[in-house]
Amino acid sequence: MGRHNAFTFPFTFFRQPASVVIPELQGVGFTGINLALNYHASRDFLLRQGPALEYLADGFHYYQPNLAHYPSGAITPNAKDALVDDKMVDGVLEVANAQGFEINAWAVFMHNSALGYQHPHLTVTNCFGNRFLSELCPSAPQIAGYIAGLSADLCSRGISSIAIESLHFHGAHHGEHHERYFLEMSEITSFLFALCFCRSCIENFAGDGQALKARVAGVLQPFLEDSDPWLGLALTKANLANIVGDAILDYLSAREQTVAERYREVGQIAASYGVRTKFVDQAPLIAGSNSAPLDQSWQVGIDNSLIDEIVDIYEPLIYRDSPTQVGEIGGHYRSELQSDITAILRPTFPDNQSEESLVAKVAALREHSIVDIDFYLLDAMRPRDLQWISRAITS
């Protein structure tokens, strides 16, 4: 039947004890949860907590961080961005261990405006010097230290796996509560506008990073002054090289190597604690990903040939309407990767409208030997959604 984890916010266990929640989830057929222990800001309509609108604080640690795990020079969580104790997580782990239930730490790494506002010089910085304060830059040594410290702190707590989300770069349209770009922007312009040229990214590049930064600023001038010259032109490496020059290809390769090194460091830390690494892959959400999302991973600094050698599990967000699309993406991942694969489905709106559709999606994944399927998001599920999940994974 495979492993089936529910992505879960800590609020579930603020309202009900783990001794009640975990047996309920086992009755559905879940074998574990991916528990958000470090998460970003959001406003969510949650059913298990109300119904209620819940406001999640950005970059919040849902436990008491142990700063001894952070190396010298690393930035560390602020006390105001963490719980005052470990009562919640320790209680969940205690019940889970007694019940044979898997607890995985779900952590959001680079999307963190709490730390970004405290350390603006360590955030993604574009060719104009604009800082994306919601996006930490993985090239910065102090951020590498934060990644290592966060990973060690979570892995030391007795979890089974660490679900790694947002350990990469992001696009321009990502991260803030109300984003306003009153200019029509092509995919190419959006990409170049958000391309990081912070000191660390430039230092990691063997070529002339300052010259490339100036070149990117120059090619964006027509967009700033009149109109976007690349509307309708596909965002590809070949098109970027034609527009900016071949140096950008080496620059993109350098940042892919940097991101891979961060994953390598996390993998080594996790292995030392006997913890598996799960790459929560957002490639299926990238514009134009269609049925071959791994082809678009470079846009966020991911080289799958490198990451595939490092992580234990790829966990793509297969958010699609039809079972056929789900099956196509599942087959794509199975054909391109050597890592184990766990699919993530949403049994709810906007992806799913019926029990029959969810059953068919699970069946489509199983046709490609993907039997481990996780479901997002427990806190927002109706009772009927849990029934649909149960029938889908047991059918």
Protein backbone atom coordinates (compact mmCIF):
# COMPACT_ATOMS: atom_id res chain seq x y z
CA MET A 1 0.00 0.00 0.00
CA GLY A 2 3.00 2.29 0.43
CA ARG A 3 3.76 5.14 2.80
CA HIS A 4 1.21 7.93 3.11
CA ASN A 5 1.95 11.08 5.08
CA ALA A 6 -0.28 14.09 5.67
CA PHE A 7 1.31 17.53 5.49
CA THR A 8 0.28 19.02 8.80
CA PHE A 9 0.54 22.35 10.60
CA PRO A 10 1.40 22.35 14.33
CA PHE A 11 -1.95 23.99 15.09
CA THR A 12 -3.55 20.57 14.80
CA PHE A 13 -1.70 19.56 17.97
CA PHE A 14 -2.39 22.83 19.76
CA ARG A 15 -6.11 22.04 19.50
CA GLN A 16 -6.03 18.27 20.05
CA PRO A 17 -3.46 16.03 21.73
CA ALA A 18 -1.37 13.70 19.61
CA SER A 19 -2.96 10.77 21.45
CA VAL A 20 -6.24 11.68 19.69
CA VAL A 21 -4.94 12.88 16.31
CA ILE A 22 -2.52 10.09 15.48
CA PRO A 23 -4.95 7.16 15.97
CA GLU A 24 -7.48 9.07 13.84
CA LEU A 25 -4.94 9.42 11.02
CA GLN A 26 -3.93 5.78 11.29
CA GLY A 27 -7.59 4.87 10.87
CA VAL A 28 -7.63 6.78 7.59
CA GLY A 29 -4.58 4.85 6.39
CA PHE A 30 -1.85 7.41 7.00
CA THR A 31 1.51 6.02 8.08
CA GLY A 32 2.91 9.37 9.22
CA ILE A 33 2.88 13.15 8.89
CA ASN A 34 5.14 15.84 7.52
CA LEU A 35 4.93 18.27 10.43
CA ALA A 36 5.68 21.94 9.66
CA LEU A 37 8.41 22.86 12.14
CA ASN A 38 9.75 25.84 10.20
CA TYR A 39 7.29 27.65 7.96
CA HIS A 40 6.54 30.88 6.09
CA ALA A 41 3.81 33.50 6.44
CA SER A 42 0.33 32.73 5.20
CA ARG A 43 -3.33 33.27 5.94
CA ASP A 44 -5.17 29.97 5.84
CA PHE A 45 -8.77 28.95 6.25
CA LEU A 46 -8.33 25.91 8.46
CA LEU A 47 -11.11 23.52 9.39
CA ARG A 48 -9.48 21.47 12.13
CA GLN A 49 -8.84 24.67 14.07
CA GLY A 50 -12.26 26.21 13.88
CA PRO A 51 -13.33 26.87 11.18
CA ALA A 52 -10.90 29.75 11.51
CA LEU A 53 -8.58 32.04 9.62
CA GLU A 54 -5.11 31.29 10.94
CA TYR A 55 -2.26 33.74 10.42
CA LEU A 56 1.10 32.01 10.26
CA ALA A 57 4.16 34.11 11.09
CA ASP A 58 6.97 34.14 8.56
CA GLY A 59 10.09 32.12 9.25
CA PHE A 60 8.62 30.76 12.47
CA HIS A 61 10.19 27.79 14.28
CA TYR A 62 7.51 25.68 15.97
CA TYR A 63 9.86 24.46 18.68
CA GLN A 64 12.60 25.94 20.88
CA PRO A 65 15.74 26.14 18.67
CA ASN A 66 18.93 24.68 20.09
CA LEU A 67 21.53 27.22 18.98
CA ALA A 68 24.36 24.84 19.87
CA HIS A 69 23.68 23.14 16.52
CA TYR A 70 24.51 26.31 14.57
CA PRO A 71 28.14 26.76 13.44
CA SER A 72 30.14 29.87 14.23
CA GLY A 73 29.24 32.76 11.95
CA ALA A 74 25.81 31.45 11.05
CA ILE A 75 22.72 33.58 11.45
CA THR A 76 20.37 32.05 13.99
CA PRO A 77 16.62 32.16 14.71
CA ASN A 78 15.43 35.13 16.72
CA ALA A 79 13.73 34.26 20.00
CA LYS A 80 10.54 36.04 18.89
CA ASP A 81 10.32 33.72 15.88
CA ALA A 82 10.08 30.48 17.85
CA LEU A 83 8.00 28.69 20.45
CA VAL A 84 9.20 29.05 24.02
CA ASP A 85 9.44 25.29 24.56
CA ASP A 86 9.38 21.86 22.86
CA LYS A 87 6.16 20.66 24.46
CA MET A 88 4.27 20.27 21.17
CA VAL A 89 6.95 18.49 19.13
CA ASP A 90 8.09 16.28 22.02
CA GLY A 91 4.50 15.23 22.72
CA VAL A 92 3.90 14.34 19.09
CA LEU A 93 7.11 12.32 18.86
CA GLU A 94 6.37 10.45 22.08
CA VAL A 95 2.95 9.29 20.91
CA ALA A 96 4.17 8.58 17.38
CA ASN A 97 7.01 6.39 18.60
CA ALA A 98 4.63 4.39 20.78
CA GLN A 99 2.18 3.95 17.86
CA GLY A 100 4.73 3.16 15.13
CA PHE A 101 3.79 6.37 13.32
CA GLU A 102 6.31 8.29 11.22
CA ILE A 103 7.09 11.94 12.01
CA ASN A 104 8.97 13.91 9.38
CA ALA A 105 10.13 17.48 9.87
CA TRP A 106 8.77 19.78 7.16
CA ALA A 107 11.00 22.84 6.84
CA VAL A 108 10.97 25.89 4.56
CA PHE A 109 14.56 27.03 4.15
CA MET A 110 15.15 30.09 1.94
CA HIS A 111 11.69 31.69 1.93
CA ASN A 112 12.05 33.56 5.21
CA SER A 113 11.36 37.28 5.52
CA ALA A 114 11.77 37.16 9.31
CA LEU A 115 15.49 36.56 8.82
CA GLY A 116 15.54 38.54 5.57
CA TYR A 117 14.46 41.76 7.28
CA GLN A 118 16.98 41.17 10.05
CA HIS A 119 19.82 40.45 7.60
CA PRO A 120 18.98 42.24 4.33
CA HIS A 121 22.53 41.91 3.00
CA LEU A 122 22.04 38.12 2.93
CA THR A 123 18.96 38.16 0.73
CA VAL A 124 18.63 37.75 -3.03
CA THR A 125 19.75 41.01 -4.65
CA ASN A 126 19.08 41.76 -8.32
CA CYS A 127 21.10 43.67 -10.92
CA PHE A 128 19.64 46.99 -9.75
CA GLY A 129 20.52 46.36 -6.10
CA ASN A 130 16.89 45.63 -5.17
CA ARG A 131 16.68 43.17 -2.29
CA PHE A 132 14.08 40.39 -2.19
CA LEU A 133 13.75 40.39 1.59
CA SER A 134 11.57 37.27 1.62
CA GLU A 135 14.31 35.23 -0.10
CA LEU A 136 17.54 34.28 1.67
CA CYS A 137 20.43 33.65 -0.71
CA PRO A 138 21.90 30.13 -0.41
CA SER A 139 25.27 31.40 -1.69
CA ALA A 140 25.99 33.43 1.45
CA PRO A 141 28.24 31.61 3.99
CA GLN A 142 26.12 32.88 6.90
CA ILE A 143 23.04 31.40 5.25
CA ALA A 144 24.86 28.12 4.62
CA GLY A 145 25.50 28.06 8.36
CA TYR A 146 21.81 28.67 9.08
CA ILE A 147 20.87 25.81 6.74
CA ALA A 148 23.30 23.49 8.52
CA GLY A 149 22.14 24.55 11.98
CA LEU A 150 18.45 24.22 11.16
CA SER A 151 19.03 20.77 9.65
CA ALA A 152 21.06 19.49 12.59
CA ASP A 153 18.60 20.88 15.12
CA LEU A 154 15.64 19.18 13.44
CA CYS A 155 17.39 15.90 12.70
CA SER A 156 18.58 15.59 16.31
CA ARG A 157 15.02 15.33 17.61
CA GLY A 158 14.23 11.76 16.53
CA ILE A 159 12.42 12.43 13.25
CA SER A 160 12.34 9.89 10.40
CA SER A 161 12.93 12.25 7.46
CA ILE A 162 13.38 15.93 6.76
CA ALA A 163 11.13 17.32 4.03
CA ILE A 164 13.20 20.09 2.45
CA GLU A 165 11.17 22.88 0.88
CA SER A 166 12.48 26.09 -0.70
CA LEU A 167 16.19 25.27 -0.60
CA HIS A 168 16.84 27.02 -3.92
CA PHE A 169 16.30 30.38 -5.63
CA HIS A 170 12.87 31.80 -6.44
CA GLY A 171 11.30 33.93 -9.12
CA ALA A 172 10.24 37.56 -8.97
CA HIS A 173 6.57 36.86 -8.31
CA HIS A 174 6.96 34.95 -5.08
CA GLY A 175 6.88 35.66 -1.43
CA GLU A 176 4.99 38.80 -0.42
CA HIS A 177 1.43 39.36 0.73
CA HIS A 178 0.39 41.80 -2.02
CA GLU A 179 2.77 42.02 -4.94
CA ARG A 180 2.39 44.87 -7.45
CA TYR A 181 4.10 44.89 -10.79
CA PHE A 182 2.16 47.33 -12.96
CA LEU A 183 4.13 46.33 -16.04
CA GLU A 184 3.47 43.42 -18.35
CA MET A 185 6.41 41.11 -17.77
CA SER A 186 7.60 38.21 -19.90
CA GLU A 187 9.01 35.05 -18.35
CA ILE A 188 12.48 36.13 -19.51
CA THR A 189 12.20 39.58 -17.91
CA SER A 190 10.80 38.11 -14.71
CA PHE A 191 13.72 35.69 -14.53
CA LEU A 192 16.41 38.31 -15.19
CA PHE A 193 14.79 40.76 -12.78
CA ALA A 194 15.04 38.22 -9.94
CA LEU A 195 18.47 36.80 -10.81
CA CYS A 196 20.70 37.23 -7.77
CA PHE A 197 23.89 39.29 -8.02
CA CYS A 198 24.67 39.55 -4.33
CA ARG A 199 28.32 39.61 -3.26
CA SER A 200 28.38 35.88 -2.54
CA CYS A 201 26.84 34.90 -5.89
CA ILE A 202 29.36 37.07 -7.73
CA GLU A 203 32.26 35.68 -5.69
CA ASN A 204 31.15 32.11 -6.49
CA PHE A 205 31.31 32.87 -10.22
CA ALA A 206 34.65 32.28 -11.93
CA GLY A 207 33.91 34.88 -14.61
CA ASP A 208 33.35 38.64 -14.42
CA GLY A 209 30.23 38.83 -12.31
CA GLN A 210 30.15 42.62 -12.19
CA ALA A 211 30.24 42.83 -15.98
CA LEU A 212 27.42 40.29 -16.25
CA LYS A 213 25.39 42.22 -13.68
CA ALA A 214 25.80 45.40 -15.73
CA ARG A 215 24.89 43.55 -18.91
CA VAL A 216 21.65 42.22 -17.39
CA ALA A 217 20.75 45.70 -16.14
CA GLY A 218 21.38 47.03 -19.63
CA VAL A 219 19.21 44.53 -21.49
CA LEU A 220 16.34 45.26 -19.08
CA GLN A 221 16.29 48.98 -19.93
CA PRO A 222 13.79 48.69 -22.82
CA PHE A 223 11.39 46.97 -20.42
CA LEU A 224 11.78 49.81 -17.91
CA GLU A 225 11.47 52.61 -20.47
CA ASP A 226 8.93 51.41 -23.03
CA SER A 227 7.76 47.79 -23.27
CA ASP A 228 8.94 44.23 -22.75
CA PRO A 229 10.69 43.03 -25.93
CA TRP A 230 10.37 39.34 -25.01
CA LEU A 231 6.64 38.89 -24.53
CA GLY A 232 5.72 35.48 -25.88
CA LEU A 233 9.35 34.32 -26.10
CA ALA A 234 10.02 31.13 -24.16
CA LEU A 235 12.32 31.24 -21.15
CA THR A 236 15.15 28.91 -22.19
CA LYS A 237 18.86 28.90 -21.58
CA ALA A 238 19.42 29.31 -25.32
CA ASN A 239 17.28 32.44 -25.44
CA LEU A 240 19.00 33.88 -22.38
CA ALA A 241 22.39 33.32 -24.01
CA ASN A 242 21.22 35.07 -27.17
CA ILE A 243 19.99 38.05 -25.17
CA VAL A 244 22.67 38.38 -22.48
CA GLY A 245 25.61 36.40 -23.83
CA ASP A 246 27.12 32.99 -23.11
CA ALA A 247 28.50 34.14 -19.74
CA ILE A 248 25.05 33.78 -18.23
CA LEU A 249 25.16 30.03 -18.82
CA ASP A 250 28.29 29.70 -16.68
CA TYR A 251 26.69 31.95 -14.07
CA LEU A 252 23.61 29.72 -13.89
CA SER A 253 25.83 26.64 -13.63
CA ALA A 254 27.70 28.22 -10.71
CA ARG A 255 24.53 28.82 -8.75
CA GLU A 256 23.35 25.26 -9.48
CA GLN A 257 26.62 23.98 -8.02
CA THR A 258 26.07 26.16 -4.95
CA VAL A 259 22.54 24.89 -4.37
CA ALA A 260 23.74 21.31 -4.81
CA GLU A 261 26.45 21.91 -2.21
CA ARG A 262 23.81 23.09 0.28
CA TYR A 263 21.84 19.89 -0.34
CA ARG A 264 25.02 17.86 0.03
CA GLU A 265 25.67 19.47 3.43
CA VAL A 266 22.11 18.81 4.60
CA GLY A 267 22.35 15.22 3.37
CA GLN A 268 25.54 14.61 5.33
CA ILE A 269 24.02 16.06 8.49
CA ALA A 270 20.83 14.03 8.10
CA ALA A 271 22.75 10.81 7.45
CA SER A 272 24.75 11.32 10.65
CA TYR A 273 21.45 11.15 12.57
CA GLY A 274 20.01 8.29 10.51
CA VAL A 275 17.47 10.66 8.93
CA ARG A 276 16.40 10.49 5.26
CA THR A 277 16.20 13.59 3.06
CA LYS A 278 13.07 14.40 1.04
CA PHE A 279 13.27 17.09 -1.66
CA VAL A 280 9.86 18.80 -1.83
CA ASP A 281 10.07 19.59 -5.54
CA GLN A 282 8.06 22.57 -6.75
CA ALA A 283 9.10 22.16 -10.40
CA PRO A 284 5.56 21.11 -11.44
CA LEU A 285 4.40 24.59 -10.34
CA ILE A 286 6.86 26.47 -12.56
CA ALA A 287 5.19 28.15 -15.53
CA GLY A 288 5.40 26.04 -18.65
CA SER A 289 6.32 22.85 -16.79
CA ASN A 290 3.37 20.91 -18.30
CA SER A 291 4.19 17.19 -18.23
CA ALA A 292 7.99 17.50 -18.04
CA PRO A 293 8.62 19.77 -15.04
CA LEU A 294 12.18 18.58 -14.42
CA ASP A 295 13.16 20.39 -17.61
CA GLN A 296 12.34 23.69 -15.86
CA SER A 297 14.22 23.09 -12.59
CA TRP A 298 17.21 25.18 -13.69
CA GLN A 299 15.05 28.29 -13.33
CA VAL A 300 15.31 28.00 -9.53
CA GLY A 301 18.93 26.81 -9.46
CA ILE A 302 18.30 23.07 -9.37
CA ASP A 303 20.43 20.71 -11.47
CA ASN A 304 18.58 17.42 -11.13
CA SER A 305 21.62 15.38 -12.21
CA LEU A 306 23.31 16.66 -9.02
CA ILE A 307 20.36 16.67 -6.61
CA ASP A 308 19.32 13.17 -7.68
CA GLU A 309 22.67 11.85 -6.42
CA ILE A 310 22.26 13.55 -3.03
CA VAL A 311 18.70 13.24 -1.73
CA ASP A 312 16.98 10.02 -0.74
CA ILE A 313 13.51 10.93 -2.01
CA TYR A 314 12.11 13.29 -4.63
CA GLU A 315 8.69 14.52 -3.55
CA PRO A 316 7.08 16.51 -6.40
CA LEU A 317 3.96 18.60 -5.92
CA ILE A 318 1.79 17.00 -8.60
CA TYR A 319 -1.01 19.53 -8.49
CA ARG A 320 -3.03 18.75 -11.63
CA ASP A 321 -6.72 18.48 -12.44
CA SER A 322 -6.83 15.22 -14.36
CA PRO A 323 -5.60 11.71 -13.57
CA THR A 324 -4.01 11.63 -17.03
CA GLN A 325 -1.85 14.66 -16.23
CA VAL A 326 -0.91 13.19 -12.85
CA GLY A 327 0.12 9.94 -14.52
CA GLU A 328 2.18 11.75 -17.18
CA ILE A 329 4.12 13.68 -14.56
CA GLY A 330 4.60 10.57 -12.46
CA GLY A 331 5.98 8.74 -15.48
CA HIS A 332 8.27 11.68 -16.25
CA TYR A 333 9.80 11.60 -12.77
CA ARG A 334 10.15 7.82 -12.81
CA SER A 335 11.97 7.89 -16.17
CA GLU A 336 14.33 10.75 -15.28
CA LEU A 337 15.41 9.97 -11.70
CA GLN A 338 17.16 7.26 -9.72
CA SER A 339 15.95 8.48 -6.31
CA ASP A 340 12.87 7.08 -4.61
CA ILE A 341 9.76 9.07 -5.49
CA THR A 342 6.87 10.13 -3.28
CA ALA A 343 4.08 12.06 -5.00
CA ILE A 344 2.19 14.88 -3.32
CA LEU A 345 -1.49 15.26 -4.18
CA ARG A 346 -4.13 17.74 -3.06
CA PRO A 347 -7.42 15.89 -2.48
CA THR A 348 -9.17 19.27 -2.29
CA PHE A 349 -10.07 22.24 -4.48
CA PRO A 350 -8.71 23.37 -6.90
CA ASP A 351 -7.15 20.05 -7.95
CA ASN A 352 -9.80 17.57 -7.01
CA GLN A 353 -13.59 17.58 -7.19
CA SER A 354 -14.59 13.97 -6.51
CA GLU A 355 -13.64 10.72 -4.87
CA GLU A 356 -13.50 9.05 -8.29
CA SER A 357 -10.92 11.55 -9.53
CA LEU A 358 -8.68 11.03 -6.49
CA VAL A 359 -8.91 7.25 -6.79
CA ALA A 360 -7.95 7.52 -10.46
CA LYS A 361 -4.98 9.78 -9.69
CA VAL A 362 -3.61 7.34 -7.13
CA ALA A 363 -4.08 4.51 -9.63
CA ALA A 364 -2.31 6.52 -12.35
CA LEU A 365 0.72 6.97 -10.09
CA ARG A 366 0.77 3.29 -9.16
CA GLU A 367 0.94 2.43 -12.86
CA HIS A 368 4.38 4.05 -12.77
CA SER A 369 5.35 2.18 -9.57
CA ILE A 370 4.84 5.27 -7.41
CA VAL A 371 3.11 3.82 -4.37
CA ASP A 372 4.24 6.33 -1.73
CA ILE A 373 1.81 9.25 -1.90
CA ASP A 374 1.49 12.14 0.54
CA PHE A 375 -1.47 14.51 0.84
CA TYR A 376 -1.61 18.26 1.40
CA LEU A 377 -2.96 19.82 3.72
CA LEU A 378 -4.54 18.04 6.70
CA ASP A 379 -5.62 21.22 8.48
CA ALA A 380 -7.74 22.34 5.50
CA MET A 381 -9.41 18.99 4.77
CA ARG A 382 -13.09 18.28 5.28
CA PRO A 383 -14.06 14.93 6.83
CA ARG A 384 -15.13 13.79 3.35
CA ASP A 385 -11.60 14.50 2.04
CA LEU A 386 -10.19 12.07 4.58
CA GLN A 387 -12.75 9.49 3.47
CA TRP A 388 -11.71 9.99 -0.16
CA ILE A 389 -8.05 9.56 0.76
CA SER A 390 -8.81 6.38 2.69
CA ARG A 391 -10.69 4.87 -0.23
CA ALA A 392 -8.07 5.98 -2.76
CA ILE A 393 -5.11 4.45 -0.96
CA THR A 394 -6.91 1.22 -0.02
CA SER A 395 -8.60 0.60 -3.37
